[in-house]
Amino acid sequence: VLGLLLGEWVNRYLNFWGWTYFPVNFCFPSNLMPGAIVLDVVLMLTNSMTVTAVLGGMAWGLLFYPGNWPVIAPLHVPVEYNGMMMTLADLQGYHYVRTGTPEYIRMVEKGTLRTFGKDVAP
């Protein structure tokens, strides 16, 4: 699991930050340790790879989302920015607008890309 986590970080750093300068704190690795511990415990208790695949795999999926909560929790800290209170996650979304969101579409409509809209879009 530690080798997989190291590989994930190398992948995220080289691919997201190295090529596209996408912020690395948007690309955190999933927390695989709770699921791995449960898989090991199920295998030790049952001594059956089939039961481990069924029950341990189900437990892995159930623990995957709550296992990431400690990683995401610091992003919900309130900060003051230009006189407004918002979370760090909101501030990150404000600075790095994702494509396809209404904010990005408004930015495109304000800029020069709007003039080419009739030529490139149906």
N, C-alpha and C. Protein backbone atom coordinates (compact mmCIF):
# COMPACT_ATOMS: atom_id res chain seq x y z
N VAL A 1 0.83 -1.19 0.00
CA VAL A 1 0.00 0.00 0.00
C VAL A 1 0.88 1.25 0.00
N LEU A 2 1.97 1.23 0.74
CA LEU A 2 2.85 2.40 0.78
C LEU A 2 3.48 2.66 -0.59
N GLY A 3 3.83 1.59 -1.31
CA GLY A 3 4.36 1.77 -2.66
C GLY A 3 3.32 2.36 -3.60
N LEU A 4 2.07 1.93 -3.44
CA LEU A 4 0.99 2.49 -4.25
C LEU A 4 0.78 3.97 -3.94
N LEU A 5 0.83 4.33 -2.66
CA LEU A 5 0.68 5.74 -2.29
C LEU A 5 1.83 6.58 -2.84
N LEU A 6 3.05 6.06 -2.78
CA LEU A 6 4.19 6.79 -3.34
C LEU A 6 4.03 6.96 -4.85
N GLY A 7 3.60 5.90 -5.52
CA GLY A 7 3.37 5.99 -6.96
C GLY A 7 2.28 6.99 -7.32
N GLU A 8 1.22 7.05 -6.50
CA GLU A 8 0.16 8.02 -6.75
C GLU A 8 0.68 9.45 -6.63
N TRP A 9 1.50 9.71 -5.61
CA TRP A 9 2.04 11.06 -5.43
C TRP A 9 2.98 11.44 -6.56
N VAL A 10 3.82 10.50 -6.99
CA VAL A 10 4.72 10.78 -8.12
C VAL A 10 3.89 11.08 -9.36
N ASN A 11 2.85 10.29 -9.60
CA ASN A 11 1.98 10.51 -10.75
C ASN A 11 1.31 11.87 -10.68
N ARG A 12 0.76 12.21 -9.53
CA ARG A 12 0.07 13.49 -9.41
C ARG A 12 1.02 14.66 -9.57
N TYR A 13 2.20 14.55 -9.00
CA TYR A 13 3.13 15.67 -9.10
C TYR A 13 3.63 15.86 -10.53
N LEU A 14 4.07 14.77 -11.16
CA LEU A 14 4.63 14.91 -12.50
C LEU A 14 3.56 15.23 -13.55
N ASN A 15 2.41 14.59 -13.46
CA ASN A 15 1.40 14.80 -14.50
C ASN A 15 0.60 16.08 -14.31
N PHE A 16 0.16 16.35 -13.09
CA PHE A 16 -0.68 17.52 -12.89
C PHE A 16 0.15 18.79 -12.74
N TRP A 17 1.15 18.77 -11.88
CA TRP A 17 1.92 19.99 -11.64
C TRP A 17 3.03 20.14 -12.68
N GLY A 18 3.70 19.06 -13.03
CA GLY A 18 4.82 19.14 -13.96
C GLY A 18 4.42 19.54 -15.37
N TRP A 19 3.26 19.07 -15.83
CA TRP A 19 2.86 19.37 -17.21
C TRP A 19 1.86 20.50 -17.31
N THR A 20 0.90 20.55 -16.41
CA THR A 20 -0.21 21.50 -16.57
C THR A 20 -0.25 22.59 -15.51
N TYR A 21 0.64 22.53 -14.52
CA TYR A 21 0.66 23.48 -13.41
C TYR A 21 -0.67 23.54 -12.67
N PHE A 22 -1.37 22.40 -12.63
CA PHE A 22 -2.60 22.28 -11.86
C PHE A 22 -2.21 22.16 -10.39
N PRO A 23 -2.89 22.84 -9.47
CA PRO A 23 -2.46 22.81 -8.06
C PRO A 23 -2.48 21.39 -7.48
N VAL A 24 -1.39 21.01 -6.85
CA VAL A 24 -1.26 19.66 -6.31
C VAL A 24 -2.25 19.43 -5.18
N ASN A 25 -2.63 20.49 -4.44
CA ASN A 25 -3.56 20.28 -3.33
C ASN A 25 -4.97 19.99 -3.83
N PHE A 26 -5.24 20.08 -5.12
CA PHE A 26 -6.52 19.62 -5.66
C PHE A 26 -6.48 18.13 -5.95
N CYS A 27 -5.30 17.54 -5.99
CA CYS A 27 -5.12 16.15 -6.41
C CYS A 27 -4.53 15.32 -5.28
N PHE A 28 -5.21 15.24 -4.16
CA PHE A 28 -4.68 14.46 -3.05
C PHE A 28 -4.98 12.98 -3.28
N PRO A 29 -4.10 12.09 -2.83
CA PRO A 29 -4.36 10.67 -3.01
C PRO A 29 -5.43 10.18 -2.04
N SER A 30 -6.13 9.17 -2.43
CA SER A 30 -7.14 8.59 -1.55
C SER A 30 -6.46 7.87 -0.40
N ASN A 31 -7.10 7.88 0.73
CA ASN A 31 -6.57 7.22 1.91
C ASN A 31 -6.88 5.74 1.81
N LEU A 32 -5.86 4.93 1.52
CA LEU A 32 -6.06 3.51 1.30
C LEU A 32 -5.84 2.67 2.55
N MET A 33 -5.33 3.26 3.61
CA MET A 33 -4.96 2.48 4.79
C MET A 33 -6.15 1.84 5.52
N PRO A 34 -7.27 2.55 5.77
CA PRO A 34 -8.38 1.87 6.47
C PRO A 34 -8.90 0.65 5.72
N GLY A 35 -9.05 0.77 4.41
CA GLY A 35 -9.51 -0.38 3.63
C GLY A 35 -8.51 -1.52 3.62
N ALA A 36 -7.22 -1.19 3.56
CA ALA A 36 -6.19 -2.23 3.57
C ALA A 36 -6.16 -2.96 4.91
N ILE A 37 -6.34 -2.24 5.99
CA ILE A 37 -6.36 -2.87 7.32
C ILE A 37 -7.56 -3.81 7.44
N VAL A 38 -8.72 -3.37 6.95
CA VAL A 38 -9.92 -4.22 7.01
C VAL A 38 -9.74 -5.46 6.14
N LEU A 39 -9.15 -5.30 4.96
CA LEU A 39 -8.89 -6.47 4.12
C LEU A 39 -7.97 -7.47 4.83
N ASP A 40 -6.93 -6.99 5.47
CA ASP A 40 -6.02 -7.88 6.19
C ASP A 40 -6.72 -8.57 7.35
N VAL A 41 -7.56 -7.84 8.08
CA VAL A 41 -8.27 -8.43 9.22
C VAL A 41 -9.25 -9.50 8.74
N VAL A 42 -9.97 -9.23 7.65
CA VAL A 42 -10.92 -10.24 7.13
C VAL A 42 -10.16 -11.47 6.66
N LEU A 43 -9.02 -11.29 6.03
CA LEU A 43 -8.23 -12.44 5.59
C LEU A 43 -7.68 -13.23 6.77
N MET A 44 -7.24 -12.54 7.81
CA MET A 44 -6.74 -13.25 9.00
C MET A 44 -7.85 -14.01 9.71
N LEU A 45 -9.05 -13.44 9.78
CA LEU A 45 -10.15 -14.09 10.49
C LEU A 45 -10.75 -15.26 9.72
N THR A 46 -10.82 -15.17 8.40
CA THR A 46 -11.51 -16.20 7.62
C THR A 46 -10.57 -17.19 6.95
N ASN A 47 -9.34 -16.81 6.68
CA ASN A 47 -8.39 -17.65 5.93
C ASN A 47 -8.96 -18.08 4.58
N SER A 48 -9.81 -17.27 4.00
CA SER A 48 -10.43 -17.59 2.72
C SER A 48 -10.32 -16.38 1.80
N MET A 49 -9.71 -16.60 0.65
CA MET A 49 -9.58 -15.51 -0.31
C MET A 49 -10.94 -15.12 -0.90
N THR A 50 -11.85 -16.09 -1.03
CA THR A 50 -13.18 -15.79 -1.58
C THR A 50 -13.97 -14.90 -0.63
N VAL A 51 -14.00 -15.26 0.65
CA VAL A 51 -14.72 -14.45 1.63
C VAL A 51 -14.06 -13.08 1.75
N THR A 52 -12.73 -13.04 1.68
CA THR A 52 -12.03 -11.76 1.75
C THR A 52 -12.39 -10.90 0.55
N ALA A 53 -12.49 -11.52 -0.63
CA ALA A 53 -12.84 -10.75 -1.82
C ALA A 53 -14.25 -10.18 -1.71
N VAL A 54 -15.19 -10.96 -1.18
CA VAL A 54 -16.58 -10.50 -1.10
C VAL A 54 -16.77 -9.53 0.06
N LEU A 55 -16.49 -9.98 1.28
CA LEU A 55 -16.72 -9.14 2.45
C LEU A 55 -15.69 -8.02 2.58
N GLY A 56 -14.42 -8.34 2.36
CA GLY A 56 -13.39 -7.32 2.46
C GLY A 56 -13.50 -6.28 1.37
N GLY A 57 -13.87 -6.72 0.16
CA GLY A 57 -14.07 -5.75 -0.92
C GLY A 57 -15.24 -4.82 -0.65
N MET A 58 -16.30 -5.37 -0.05
CA MET A 58 -17.44 -4.53 0.30
C MET A 58 -17.05 -3.54 1.40
N ALA A 59 -16.29 -4.00 2.38
CA ALA A 59 -15.84 -3.11 3.46
C ALA A 59 -14.89 -2.05 2.91
N TRP A 60 -14.04 -2.42 1.96
CA TRP A 60 -13.13 -1.46 1.32
C TRP A 60 -13.94 -0.33 0.69
N GLY A 61 -14.97 -0.69 -0.06
CA GLY A 61 -15.80 0.33 -0.70
C GLY A 61 -16.55 1.19 0.30
N LEU A 62 -17.01 0.59 1.40
CA LEU A 62 -17.74 1.37 2.40
C LEU A 62 -16.82 2.30 3.19
N LEU A 63 -15.55 1.94 3.35
CA LEU A 63 -14.61 2.77 4.11
C LEU A 63 -13.86 3.77 3.23
N PHE A 64 -13.99 3.65 1.93
CA PHE A 64 -13.20 4.50 1.03
C PHE A 64 -13.55 5.97 1.19
N TYR A 65 -14.83 6.31 1.17
CA TYR A 65 -15.23 7.72 1.28
C TYR A 65 -14.99 8.29 2.68
N PRO A 66 -15.43 7.63 3.76
CA PRO A 66 -15.13 8.20 5.08
C PRO A 66 -13.65 8.20 5.41
N GLY A 67 -12.87 7.34 4.79
CA GLY A 67 -11.43 7.34 5.03
C GLY A 67 -10.75 8.60 4.53
N ASN A 68 -11.37 9.30 3.59
CA ASN A 68 -10.80 10.53 3.05
C ASN A 68 -11.20 11.76 3.85
N TRP A 69 -12.10 11.64 4.79
CA TRP A 69 -12.54 12.81 5.56
C TRP A 69 -11.41 13.51 6.30
N PRO A 70 -10.46 12.80 6.92
CA PRO A 70 -9.36 13.54 7.58
C PRO A 70 -8.51 14.34 6.60
N VAL A 71 -8.43 13.90 5.34
CA VAL A 71 -7.65 14.63 4.35
C VAL A 71 -8.40 15.88 3.89
N ILE A 72 -9.72 15.78 3.78
CA ILE A 72 -10.53 16.89 3.28
C ILE A 72 -10.86 17.89 4.38
N ALA A 73 -10.83 17.47 5.65
CA ALA A 73 -11.27 18.32 6.76
C ALA A 73 -10.57 19.68 6.83
N PRO A 74 -9.26 19.79 6.62
CA PRO A 74 -8.63 21.12 6.71
C PRO A 74 -9.12 22.10 5.65
N LEU A 75 -9.72 21.62 4.59
CA LEU A 75 -10.22 22.52 3.55
C LEU A 75 -11.51 23.22 3.95
N HIS A 76 -12.11 22.82 5.07
CA HIS A 76 -13.36 23.44 5.52
C HIS A 76 -13.14 24.45 6.64
N VAL A 77 -11.90 24.88 6.81
CA VAL A 77 -11.58 25.89 7.81
C VAL A 77 -12.00 27.26 7.27
N PRO A 78 -12.70 28.07 8.05
CA PRO A 78 -13.12 29.39 7.55
C PRO A 78 -11.94 30.36 7.49
N VAL A 79 -11.89 31.13 6.41
CA VAL A 79 -10.88 32.17 6.24
C VAL A 79 -11.58 33.44 5.77
N GLU A 80 -10.93 34.57 5.99
CA GLU A 80 -11.47 35.84 5.50
C GLU A 80 -10.67 36.25 4.28
N TYR A 81 -11.37 36.54 3.20
CA TYR A 81 -10.73 36.93 1.95
C TYR A 81 -11.49 38.11 1.37
N ASN A 82 -10.85 39.24 1.26
CA ASN A 82 -11.46 40.48 0.75
C ASN A 82 -12.74 40.84 1.52
N GLY A 83 -12.71 40.65 2.82
CA GLY A 83 -13.86 41.01 3.65
C GLY A 83 -14.98 40.00 3.66
N MET A 84 -14.80 38.85 2.99
CA MET A 84 -15.84 37.81 2.97
C MET A 84 -15.33 36.58 3.70
N MET A 85 -16.22 35.91 4.41
CA MET A 85 -15.87 34.65 5.07
C MET A 85 -16.20 33.50 4.13
N MET A 86 -15.23 32.63 3.93
CA MET A 86 -15.43 31.45 3.08
C MET A 86 -14.47 30.37 3.56
N THR A 87 -14.68 29.16 3.08
CA THR A 87 -13.78 28.07 3.43
C THR A 87 -12.60 28.06 2.48
N LEU A 88 -11.56 27.32 2.85
CA LEU A 88 -10.41 27.19 1.96
C LEU A 88 -10.80 26.51 0.65
N ALA A 89 -11.74 25.57 0.70
CA ALA A 89 -12.19 24.92 -0.52
C ALA A 89 -12.87 25.92 -1.45
N ASP A 90 -13.68 26.82 -0.89
CA ASP A 90 -14.31 27.85 -1.72
C ASP A 90 -13.27 28.79 -2.30
N LEU A 91 -12.26 29.13 -1.52
CA LEU A 91 -11.21 30.02 -2.00
C LEU A 91 -10.42 29.38 -3.13
N GLN A 92 -10.14 28.09 -3.01
CA GLN A 92 -9.45 27.39 -4.09
C GLN A 92 -10.30 27.36 -5.34
N GLY A 93 -11.59 27.10 -5.19
CA GLY A 93 -12.47 27.10 -6.35
C GLY A 93 -12.62 28.48 -6.97
N TYR A 94 -12.46 29.52 -6.16
CA TYR A 94 -12.53 30.89 -6.67
C TYR A 94 -11.30 31.22 -7.51
N HIS A 95 -10.14 30.75 -7.09
CA HIS A 95 -8.91 31.07 -7.81
C HIS A 95 -8.68 30.17 -9.02
N TYR A 96 -9.11 28.92 -8.96
CA TYR A 96 -8.92 27.99 -10.06
C TYR A 96 -10.30 27.53 -10.53
N VAL A 97 -10.89 28.28 -11.43
CA VAL A 97 -12.24 27.99 -11.90
C VAL A 97 -12.18 26.80 -12.85
N ARG A 98 -13.03 25.81 -12.63
CA ARG A 98 -13.07 24.63 -13.47
C ARG A 98 -13.87 24.92 -14.73
N THR A 99 -13.50 24.27 -15.82
CA THR A 99 -14.24 24.45 -17.07
C THR A 99 -15.60 23.78 -16.95
N GLY A 100 -16.57 24.31 -17.64
CA GLY A 100 -17.92 23.76 -17.63
C GLY A 100 -18.79 24.32 -16.53
N THR A 101 -18.24 25.06 -15.60
CA THR A 101 -19.05 25.67 -14.55
C THR A 101 -19.60 27.00 -15.06
N PRO A 102 -20.68 27.49 -14.46
CA PRO A 102 -21.23 28.78 -14.92
C PRO A 102 -20.22 29.92 -14.82
N GLU A 103 -19.32 29.87 -13.81
CA GLU A 103 -18.33 30.94 -13.69
C GLU A 103 -17.40 30.95 -14.89
N TYR A 104 -16.97 29.76 -15.34
CA TYR A 104 -16.07 29.67 -16.49
C TYR A 104 -16.79 30.13 -17.75
N ILE A 105 -18.04 29.74 -17.89
CA ILE A 105 -18.79 30.14 -19.08
C ILE A 105 -18.96 31.65 -19.11
N ARG A 106 -19.19 32.27 -17.94
CA ARG A 106 -19.27 33.74 -17.89
C ARG A 106 -17.95 34.38 -18.27
N MET A 107 -16.83 33.78 -17.83
CA MET A 107 -15.52 34.31 -18.19
C MET A 107 -15.30 34.22 -19.70
N VAL A 108 -15.72 33.12 -20.31
CA VAL A 108 -15.55 32.96 -21.75
C VAL A 108 -16.43 33.95 -22.49
N GLU A 109 -17.66 34.17 -22.02
CA GLU A 109 -18.56 35.10 -22.70
C GLU A 109 -18.07 36.53 -22.61
N LYS A 110 -17.33 36.88 -21.56
CA LYS A 110 -16.79 38.23 -21.45
C LYS A 110 -15.60 38.44 -22.36
N GLY A 111 -14.83 37.39 -22.62
CA GLY A 111 -13.58 37.52 -23.35
C GLY A 111 -13.75 37.44 -24.85
N THR A 112 -12.62 37.27 -25.53
CA THR A 112 -12.62 37.26 -27.00
C THR A 112 -13.15 35.95 -27.56
N LEU A 113 -13.23 34.90 -26.76
CA LEU A 113 -13.74 33.64 -27.29
C LEU A 113 -15.20 33.74 -27.69
N ARG A 114 -15.91 34.70 -27.14
CA ARG A 114 -17.33 34.84 -27.47
C ARG A 114 -17.50 35.20 -28.94
N THR A 115 -16.55 35.93 -29.51
CA THR A 115 -16.69 36.34 -30.90
C THR A 115 -16.60 35.16 -31.85
N PHE A 116 -15.91 34.07 -31.42
CA PHE A 116 -15.79 32.90 -32.28
C PHE A 116 -16.87 31.87 -32.00
N GLY A 117 -17.80 32.17 -31.08
CA GLY A 117 -18.79 31.19 -30.68
C GLY A 117 -19.66 30.70 -31.81
N LYS A 118 -20.09 31.61 -32.69
CA LYS A 118 -20.98 31.18 -33.77
C LYS A 118 -20.24 30.35 -34.81
N ASP A 119 -18.91 30.49 -34.88
CA ASP A 119 -18.15 29.75 -35.87
C ASP A 119 -17.75 28.36 -35.39
N VAL A 120 -17.56 28.20 -34.09
CA VAL A 120 -17.07 26.92 -33.60
C VAL A 120 -18.13 26.11 -32.87
N ALA A 121 -19.26 26.70 -32.55
CA ALA A 121 -20.31 25.97 -31.84
C ALA A 121 -21.57 25.96 -32.70
N PRO A 122 -22.36 24.89 -32.62
CA PRO A 122 -23.58 24.84 -33.43
C PRO A 122 -24.64 25.81 -32.96
